[in-house]
Amino acid sequence: MKSDFFSIEYSDYNDKITGLNKYKVQPSDFGVDDKDAVEVYKKMNADYRELEFKEKYQKASMSVYIWYFFGAFIICASIGGYINNSYVVASILMAIGIVLCIVGYFSVRAYKKNVASKKNEYKQMKCYNEKMEKFIKLNDIYNEKVDMVKIPIIKKIAESIKKHQYMELKEIILECYKRLGFKVYTTGIRKFGGVILRACNDKDYNIALIIFPYENPISGYSIQNLRESITKINHKIDYVYILTKFGEYSYDNWMGLYLQMPYKVIDAYGIAELIWDSNTKYFENEIVNKRQELKECNKNVEAYNKTIVNEWINVESSNVDKVYYNEEKQVLYIKFISNMFYAYYDVDKCTFFRLLLSNSKGRFVRYELKSYKYKNILEKDIK
């Protein structure tokens, strides 16, 4: 059941999306903000800023030039005083008029400098917005192409999720969070046919996973009990996820919960998205691991090239008796101490080499080969 969602099939879909990377664009490629490009674009809308700029500086220009007006008026009045032989008053007025004109000169100078600066800022902003518009357009094209691959698969998974039994649903959700880098712990709390679990990642981010098998688990009596149950978890909970395979719930359906912490209700489609994300991360990590394996093999290239293939090799192990690698078919055959034979398919030579170098062959088989397709066979089937 779990393997239906975490099979190699989904790596093929991820490969298709990886193939679309030629259409993928990054904000940094256009010199725009890489945190939240679209929101920044909205806040820095050049047309709005230009309108704001014009309104603000049209009003400012009147207040700036008024110093010249008053200064000139007072100077004219002082000239009249000189004509009427009122020298003292005329001198005072002349001094005031000159001071006002000087103030006006420096005010206008600062104003023009500020206007030039704002015009330059607007010019840069307009250039930024043009880059942003180009980024958004190309990013939308990429997202549309990804959705053409992704959305049909999400719908297919969601419909399948609705048909799964509770225990199957629980195992699927646990596998998702493990692939996303969380360790899942039991809390010993079971409520309303469901279970409450705690998950934590390496950044000490704790979440509560409430998995319900029913369509409408939250109502009346159950609300109070659920709230009390979460408070019994002996760890600080940063977020609560309520997972149920039915319906597309809005927050209004759960307003009575009052958890006093952020929470989100995830339905079948949300779980399907969770499966997709966990698969994507898993297969991205697989690519990184493969590259690391190749790097390790290259360090031991001479020994790697001399690795014995197409014949049985006895190994020292408490679990594994001997191994046989068919290089042409990329099939690894393993005979266990229990006299059982298993075939592992699509195993590259580098992985076989790492198996031979590993200190614990049993551990390597258990943890490193579990992602490969394998089956129990008879000795006569080995070719």
Protein backbone atom coordinates (compact mmCIF):
# COMPACT_ATOMS: atom_id res chain seq x y z
CA MET A 1 0.00 0.00 0.00
CA LYS A 2 2.67 2.48 1.07
CA SER A 3 4.84 1.50 -1.88
CA ASP A 4 2.01 2.54 -4.22
CA PHE A 5 2.77 6.15 -3.36
CA PHE A 6 6.52 5.93 -2.82
CA SER A 7 7.51 3.87 -5.84
CA ILE A 8 9.97 4.67 -8.59
CA GLU A 9 6.99 5.87 -10.66
CA TYR A 10 7.00 9.17 -8.83
CA SER A 11 10.71 9.64 -9.39
CA ASP A 12 9.90 9.43 -13.10
CA TYR A 13 7.43 12.30 -12.70
CA ASN A 14 10.03 14.25 -10.75
CA ASP A 15 12.48 13.56 -13.57
CA LYS A 16 9.98 15.08 -16.00
CA ILE A 17 9.78 18.19 -13.86
CA THR A 18 13.57 18.28 -13.56
CA GLY A 19 13.62 18.19 -17.36
CA LEU A 20 11.60 21.42 -17.30
CA ASN A 21 14.39 23.22 -15.46
CA LYS A 22 15.42 24.87 -18.72
CA TYR A 23 12.24 26.95 -18.30
CA LYS A 24 12.84 27.63 -14.62
CA VAL A 25 13.97 31.12 -13.64
CA GLN A 26 15.32 32.52 -10.40
CA PRO A 27 14.66 36.07 -9.12
CA SER A 28 18.42 36.53 -8.75
CA ASP A 29 18.80 35.98 -12.52
CA PHE A 30 16.93 39.24 -13.03
CA GLY A 31 18.37 41.13 -10.09
CA VAL A 32 15.06 41.17 -8.22
CA ASP A 33 14.20 40.24 -4.65
CA ASP A 34 14.50 36.49 -4.05
CA LYS A 35 12.46 36.31 -0.82
CA ASP A 36 9.00 37.21 -2.06
CA ALA A 37 9.38 38.64 -5.52
CA VAL A 38 5.72 39.18 -6.37
CA GLU A 39 4.89 40.93 -3.08
CA VAL A 40 7.91 43.20 -3.42
CA TYR A 41 6.82 44.01 -6.96
CA LYS A 42 3.38 45.06 -5.71
CA LYS A 43 4.88 47.25 -3.00
CA MET A 44 7.29 48.87 -5.43
CA ASN A 45 4.76 49.54 -8.19
CA ALA A 46 6.37 52.30 -10.22
CA ASP A 47 3.17 53.85 -11.59
CA TYR A 48 1.75 54.33 -8.09
CA ARG A 49 5.03 55.79 -6.82
CA GLU A 50 5.19 58.20 -9.77
CA LEU A 51 1.69 59.50 -9.00
CA GLU A 52 2.56 59.82 -5.32
CA PHE A 53 5.77 61.62 -6.28
CA LYS A 54 3.95 64.16 -8.49
CA GLU A 55 1.31 64.98 -5.89
CA LYS A 56 3.86 65.33 -3.10
CA TYR A 57 6.36 67.50 -4.97
CA GLN A 58 3.82 69.75 -6.66
CA LYS A 59 2.70 70.78 -3.17
CA ALA A 60 6.31 70.99 -1.98
CA SER A 61 7.33 73.31 -4.85
CA MET A 62 4.75 75.93 -3.80
CA SER A 63 6.02 75.96 -0.19
CA VAL A 64 9.63 76.21 -1.39
CA TYR A 65 9.17 79.11 -3.84
CA ILE A 66 7.01 81.10 -1.40
CA TRP A 67 10.23 82.09 0.44
CA TYR A 68 11.33 83.95 -2.70
CA PHE A 69 7.92 85.62 -2.97
CA PHE A 70 7.97 86.97 0.59
CA GLY A 71 11.64 87.93 0.32
CA ALA A 72 11.05 89.91 -2.89
CA PHE A 73 7.92 91.57 -1.44
CA ILE A 74 9.79 92.71 1.69
CA ILE A 75 12.75 93.98 -0.37
CA CYS A 76 10.32 96.04 -2.48
CA ALA A 77 8.80 97.41 0.74
CA SER A 78 12.30 98.36 2.01
CA ILE A 79 12.99 100.24 -1.23
CA GLY A 80 9.80 102.19 -0.61
CA GLY A 81 11.08 102.99 2.88
CA TYR A 82 14.31 104.38 1.43
CA ILE A 83 12.34 106.55 -0.95
CA ASN A 84 10.32 107.92 1.99
CA ASN A 85 13.55 108.45 3.97
CA SER A 86 12.63 105.80 6.58
CA TYR A 87 16.14 104.45 6.59
CA VAL A 88 16.03 102.43 9.80
CA VAL A 89 12.81 100.59 8.92
CA ALA A 90 13.95 100.21 5.31
CA SER A 91 17.27 98.68 6.43
CA ILE A 92 15.54 96.21 8.72
CA LEU A 93 13.12 95.21 5.96
CA MET A 94 15.96 94.92 3.46
CA ALA A 95 17.88 92.59 5.85
CA ILE A 96 14.78 90.44 6.42
CA GLY A 97 14.11 90.29 2.68
CA ILE A 98 17.68 89.22 1.92
CA VAL A 99 17.55 86.52 4.63
CA LEU A 100 14.28 85.20 3.19
CA CYS A 101 15.77 85.12 -0.30
CA ILE A 102 18.85 83.24 0.99
CA VAL A 103 16.58 80.75 2.78
CA GLY A 104 14.56 80.44 -0.43
CA TYR A 105 17.74 79.84 -2.49
CA PHE A 106 18.95 76.99 -0.28
CA SER A 107 15.41 75.56 0.00
CA VAL A 108 15.02 75.50 -3.78
CA ARG A 109 18.49 74.03 -4.19
CA ALA A 110 17.70 71.21 -1.71
CA TYR A 111 14.30 70.73 -3.33
CA LYS A 112 15.78 70.36 -6.83
CA LYS A 113 18.41 67.96 -5.52
CA ASN A 114 15.69 65.90 -3.84
CA VAL A 115 13.58 65.92 -7.00
CA ALA A 116 16.55 64.71 -9.07
CA SER A 117 17.16 61.95 -6.52
CA LYS A 118 13.49 60.89 -6.60
CA LYS A 119 13.46 60.91 -10.39
CA ASN A 120 16.52 58.67 -10.40
CA GLU A 121 14.85 56.42 -7.81
CA TYR A 122 11.73 56.24 -9.98
CA LYS A 123 13.87 55.40 -13.02
CA GLN A 124 15.56 52.56 -11.11
CA MET A 125 12.21 51.38 -9.80
CA LYS A 126 10.73 51.32 -13.28
CA CYS A 127 13.72 49.29 -14.51
CA TYR A 128 13.27 46.95 -11.52
CA ASN A 129 9.59 46.50 -12.33
CA GLU A 130 10.33 45.69 -15.96
CA LYS A 131 12.71 42.96 -14.78
CA MET A 132 10.12 41.76 -12.29
CA GLU A 133 7.40 41.58 -14.94
CA LYS A 134 9.71 39.50 -17.14
CA PHE A 135 10.53 37.20 -14.22
CA ILE A 136 6.85 36.74 -13.29
CA LYS A 137 5.91 35.98 -16.89
CA LEU A 138 8.63 33.35 -17.35
CA ASN A 139 7.96 31.90 -13.89
CA ASP A 140 4.26 31.54 -14.73
CA ILE A 141 5.19 29.64 -17.90
CA TYR A 142 7.36 27.28 -15.83
CA ASN A 143 4.63 26.77 -13.21
CA GLU A 144 2.05 26.00 -15.91
CA LYS A 145 4.33 23.34 -17.41
CA VAL A 146 4.95 21.84 -13.95
CA ASP A 147 1.22 21.82 -13.18
CA MET A 148 0.53 19.92 -16.41
CA VAL A 149 2.64 17.09 -14.96
CA LYS A 150 1.82 17.52 -11.29
CA ILE A 151 -1.91 18.28 -10.98
CA PRO A 152 -3.24 15.08 -12.66
CA ILE A 153 -0.98 13.04 -10.36
CA ILE A 154 -2.16 14.97 -7.26
CA LYS A 155 -5.79 14.28 -8.19
CA LYS A 156 -5.03 10.62 -8.80
CA ILE A 157 -3.31 10.28 -5.42
CA ALA A 158 -6.13 12.16 -3.62
CA GLU A 159 -8.80 9.86 -5.04
CA SER A 160 -6.76 6.85 -3.99
CA ILE A 161 -6.21 8.28 -0.49
CA LYS A 162 -9.99 8.43 0.07
CA LYS A 163 -10.22 4.67 -0.44
CA HIS A 164 -7.48 3.77 2.06
CA GLN A 165 -8.22 2.40 5.51
CA TYR A 166 -7.13 4.31 8.61
CA MET A 167 -3.98 2.27 9.34
CA GLU A 168 -2.87 2.59 5.72
CA LEU A 169 -3.48 6.35 5.86
CA LYS A 170 -1.45 6.59 9.07
CA GLU A 171 1.53 4.73 7.56
CA ILE A 172 1.46 6.93 4.45
CA ILE A 173 1.48 10.13 6.53
CA LEU A 174 4.31 8.86 8.75
CA GLU A 175 6.40 7.97 5.69
CA CYS A 176 5.82 11.46 4.26
CA TYR A 177 7.07 13.25 7.36
CA LYS A 178 10.07 10.93 7.66
CA ARG A 179 11.03 11.77 4.08
CA LEU A 180 10.64 15.46 4.88
CA GLY A 181 13.25 15.12 7.64
CA PHE A 182 11.01 14.70 10.70
CA LYS A 183 11.31 12.13 13.45
CA VAL A 184 7.87 10.98 14.56
CA TYR A 185 7.14 10.05 18.17
CA THR A 186 4.08 8.50 19.76
CA THR A 187 2.33 10.47 22.52
CA GLY A 188 0.22 7.59 23.77
CA ILE A 189 -2.89 9.65 23.04
CA ARG A 190 -5.68 8.08 20.99
CA LYS A 191 -8.91 9.98 20.47
CA PHE A 192 -12.11 9.46 18.49
CA GLY A 193 -10.69 6.54 16.52
CA GLY A 194 -7.63 8.57 15.58
CA VAL A 195 -4.23 9.29 17.06
CA ILE A 196 -2.12 12.28 18.11
CA LEU A 197 1.60 12.12 17.28
CA ARG A 198 4.53 14.50 17.71
CA ALA A 199 7.04 15.16 14.93
CA CYS A 200 10.30 17.08 15.28
CA ASN A 201 12.99 18.08 12.77
CA ASP A 202 16.67 18.85 13.31
CA LYS A 203 15.85 22.53 13.96
CA ASP A 204 13.81 21.52 17.04
CA TYR A 205 10.57 22.48 15.28
CA ASN A 206 7.79 20.47 16.93
CA ILE A 207 4.44 19.76 15.30
CA ALA A 208 1.43 17.77 16.44
CA LEU A 209 -0.05 15.37 13.86
CA ILE A 210 -3.70 14.60 14.51
CA ILE A 211 -4.79 11.79 12.18
CA PHE A 212 -8.54 11.15 11.95
CA PRO A 213 -10.25 8.35 10.02
CA TYR A 214 -13.67 10.00 9.96
CA GLU A 215 -15.26 12.73 7.87
CA ASN A 216 -16.38 14.96 10.70
CA PRO A 217 -14.37 14.19 13.85
CA ILE A 218 -14.57 17.62 15.50
CA SER A 219 -17.82 18.52 17.19
CA GLY A 220 -19.18 19.21 20.65
CA TYR A 221 -17.66 16.90 23.25
CA SER A 222 -14.68 15.99 21.06
CA ILE A 223 -13.48 19.61 20.77
CA GLN A 224 -12.90 19.96 24.49
CA ASN A 225 -11.23 16.56 24.72
CA LEU A 226 -8.95 17.25 21.78
CA ARG A 227 -7.81 20.58 23.22
CA GLU A 228 -7.05 18.93 26.57
CA SER A 229 -5.21 16.09 24.84
CA ILE A 230 -2.85 18.41 22.99
CA THR A 231 -1.96 20.23 26.21
CA LYS A 232 -0.85 16.87 27.66
CA ILE A 233 1.99 16.56 25.12
CA ASN A 234 5.19 17.09 27.10
CA HIS A 235 6.81 19.30 24.45
CA LYS A 236 6.27 22.78 23.13
CA ILE A 237 4.16 22.47 19.98
CA ASP A 238 4.83 25.07 17.28
CA TYR A 239 2.11 23.97 14.85
CA VAL A 240 -0.81 21.53 14.69
CA TYR A 241 -1.77 19.60 11.55
CA ILE A 242 -5.15 17.89 11.48
CA LEU A 243 -5.11 15.22 8.76
CA THR A 244 -8.29 13.60 7.47
CA LYS A 245 -8.90 11.96 4.12
CA PHE A 246 -12.38 13.46 3.65
CA GLY A 247 -13.60 16.80 2.43
CA GLU A 248 -12.00 20.13 1.69
CA TYR A 249 -12.38 21.86 5.03
CA SER A 250 -12.31 25.59 5.61
CA TYR A 251 -11.22 27.09 8.91
CA ASP A 252 -14.84 27.99 9.63
CA ASN A 253 -15.62 24.29 10.10
CA TRP A 254 -13.06 24.14 12.91
CA MET A 255 -13.57 27.47 14.66
CA GLY A 256 -14.58 25.73 17.89
CA LEU A 257 -11.16 24.17 18.28
CA TYR A 258 -9.46 27.16 20.01
CA LEU A 259 -6.07 25.51 20.23
CA GLN A 260 -4.31 28.78 21.06
CA MET A 261 -1.64 27.86 18.50
CA PRO A 262 -1.54 27.91 14.70
CA TYR A 263 -3.15 24.90 13.04
CA LYS A 264 -4.10 23.67 9.59
CA VAL A 265 -6.61 21.10 8.39
CA ILE A 266 -5.29 18.85 5.62
CA ASP A 267 -7.76 16.85 3.54
CA ALA A 268 -7.13 14.15 0.89
CA TYR A 269 -5.81 16.68 -1.62
CA GLY A 270 -3.55 18.21 1.03
CA ILE A 271 -2.20 14.74 1.87
CA ALA A 272 -1.61 14.17 -1.85
CA GLU A 273 0.45 17.40 -1.96
CA LEU A 274 2.32 16.17 1.12
CA ILE A 275 3.13 12.89 -0.65
CA TRP A 276 4.33 14.78 -3.73
CA ASP A 277 6.56 17.11 -1.68
CA SER A 278 8.05 14.26 0.34
CA ASN A 279 8.73 12.26 -2.84
CA THR A 280 10.35 15.27 -4.46
CA LYS A 281 12.64 15.87 -1.50
CA TYR A 282 13.44 12.17 -1.25
CA PHE A 283 14.46 11.84 -4.89
CA GLU A 284 16.42 15.11 -4.77
CA ASN A 285 18.36 13.65 -1.85
CA GLU A 286 18.82 10.46 -3.85
CA ILE A 287 20.49 12.48 -6.63
CA VAL A 288 22.79 14.15 -4.08
CA ASN A 289 23.63 10.76 -2.56
CA LYS A 290 24.37 9.29 -5.99
CA ARG A 291 26.78 12.12 -6.71
CA GLN A 292 28.46 11.56 -3.36
CA GLU A 293 28.71 7.85 -4.09
CA LEU A 294 30.34 8.57 -7.43
CA LYS A 295 32.76 10.95 -5.76
CA GLU A 296 33.72 8.26 -3.24
CA CYS A 297 34.13 5.70 -5.99
CA ASN A 298 36.37 8.02 -7.98
CA LYS A 299 38.68 8.26 -4.98
CA ASN A 300 39.14 4.50 -5.20
CA VAL A 301 39.00 4.27 -8.99
CA GLU A 302 41.72 1.60 -9.27
CA ALA A 303 40.01 -0.73 -6.79
CA TYR A 304 36.66 0.11 -8.34
CA ASN A 305 37.78 -0.91 -11.82
CA LYS A 306 39.16 -4.19 -10.47
CA THR A 307 35.89 -5.07 -8.72
CA ILE A 308 35.01 -8.67 -9.50
CA VAL A 309 31.75 -9.02 -11.41
CA ASN A 310 29.74 -11.87 -12.92
CA GLU A 311 30.84 -14.36 -10.29
CA TRP A 312 30.07 -15.15 -6.67
CA ILE A 313 32.15 -13.34 -4.01
CA ASN A 314 32.25 -14.63 -0.44
CA VAL A 315 31.98 -11.87 2.16
CA GLU A 316 32.49 -11.64 5.90
CA SER A 317 29.13 -10.98 7.47
CA SER A 318 26.77 -12.41 10.06
CA ASN A 319 23.84 -11.98 7.66
CA VAL A 320 25.22 -12.14 4.10
CA ASP A 321 26.93 -15.26 2.78
CA LYS A 322 28.00 -14.15 -0.70
CA VAL A 323 27.16 -11.68 -3.48
CA TYR A 324 27.02 -11.82 -7.27
CA TYR A 325 26.84 -8.77 -9.57
CA ASN A 326 25.70 -8.92 -13.19
CA GLU A 327 27.27 -5.78 -14.65
CA GLU A 328 25.47 -5.97 -17.98
CA LYS A 329 21.97 -6.25 -16.47
CA GLN A 330 22.86 -4.20 -13.35
CA VAL A 331 21.36 -6.88 -11.11
CA LEU A 332 22.83 -7.65 -7.68
CA TYR A 333 22.20 -11.15 -6.31
CA ILE A 334 22.66 -11.78 -2.60
CA LYS A 335 22.69 -15.10 -0.79
CA PHE A 336 21.96 -14.71 2.91
CA ILE A 337 23.13 -16.97 5.73
CA SER A 338 19.56 -18.26 5.93
CA ASN A 339 20.10 -19.70 2.43
CA MET A 340 17.61 -17.23 0.93
CA PHE A 341 18.41 -15.60 -2.43
CA TYR A 342 17.37 -12.07 -3.37
CA ALA A 343 17.79 -10.08 -6.59
CA TYR A 344 18.17 -6.27 -6.49
CA TYR A 345 17.52 -4.51 -9.80
CA ASP A 346 19.03 -1.38 -11.44
CA VAL A 347 21.99 -1.41 -9.04
CA ASP A 348 24.98 0.49 -10.43
CA LYS A 349 28.50 -0.83 -10.09
CA CYS A 350 29.45 1.93 -7.69
CA THR A 351 26.77 0.79 -5.19
CA PHE A 352 28.04 -2.80 -5.51
CA PHE A 353 31.56 -1.54 -4.82
CA ARG A 354 30.36 0.32 -1.71
CA LEU A 355 28.68 -2.87 -0.49
CA LEU A 356 32.01 -4.72 -0.72
CA LEU A 357 33.79 -1.90 1.16
CA SER A 358 31.15 -1.55 3.89
CA ASN A 359 31.98 -2.67 7.42
CA SER A 360 28.52 -4.16 7.92
CA LYS A 361 27.10 -5.90 4.85
CA GLY A 362 23.79 -6.61 6.58
CA ARG A 363 23.31 -2.99 7.57
CA PHE A 364 24.18 -1.84 4.04
CA VAL A 365 21.60 -4.20 2.54
CA ARG A 366 18.98 -3.10 5.03
CA TYR A 367 19.43 0.66 4.74
CA GLU A 368 21.16 1.31 1.40
CA LEU A 369 19.47 -1.25 -0.86
CA LYS A 370 15.92 -0.87 0.45
CA SER A 371 15.13 1.83 -2.16
CA TYR A 372 15.88 -0.56 -5.03
CA LYS A 373 13.32 -2.91 -6.52
CA TYR A 374 13.97 -6.43 -5.24
CA LYS A 375 12.39 -9.88 -4.96
CA ASN A 376 13.01 -13.29 -3.48
CA ILE A 377 14.28 -15.77 -6.10
CA LEU A 378 15.56 -19.33 -6.45
CA GLU A 379 19.23 -20.08 -7.04
CA LYS A 380 18.45 -21.55 -10.45
CA ASP A 381 17.00 -18.15 -11.56
CA ILE A 382 20.36 -16.44 -11.19
CA LYS A 383 21.83 -15.63 -14.61
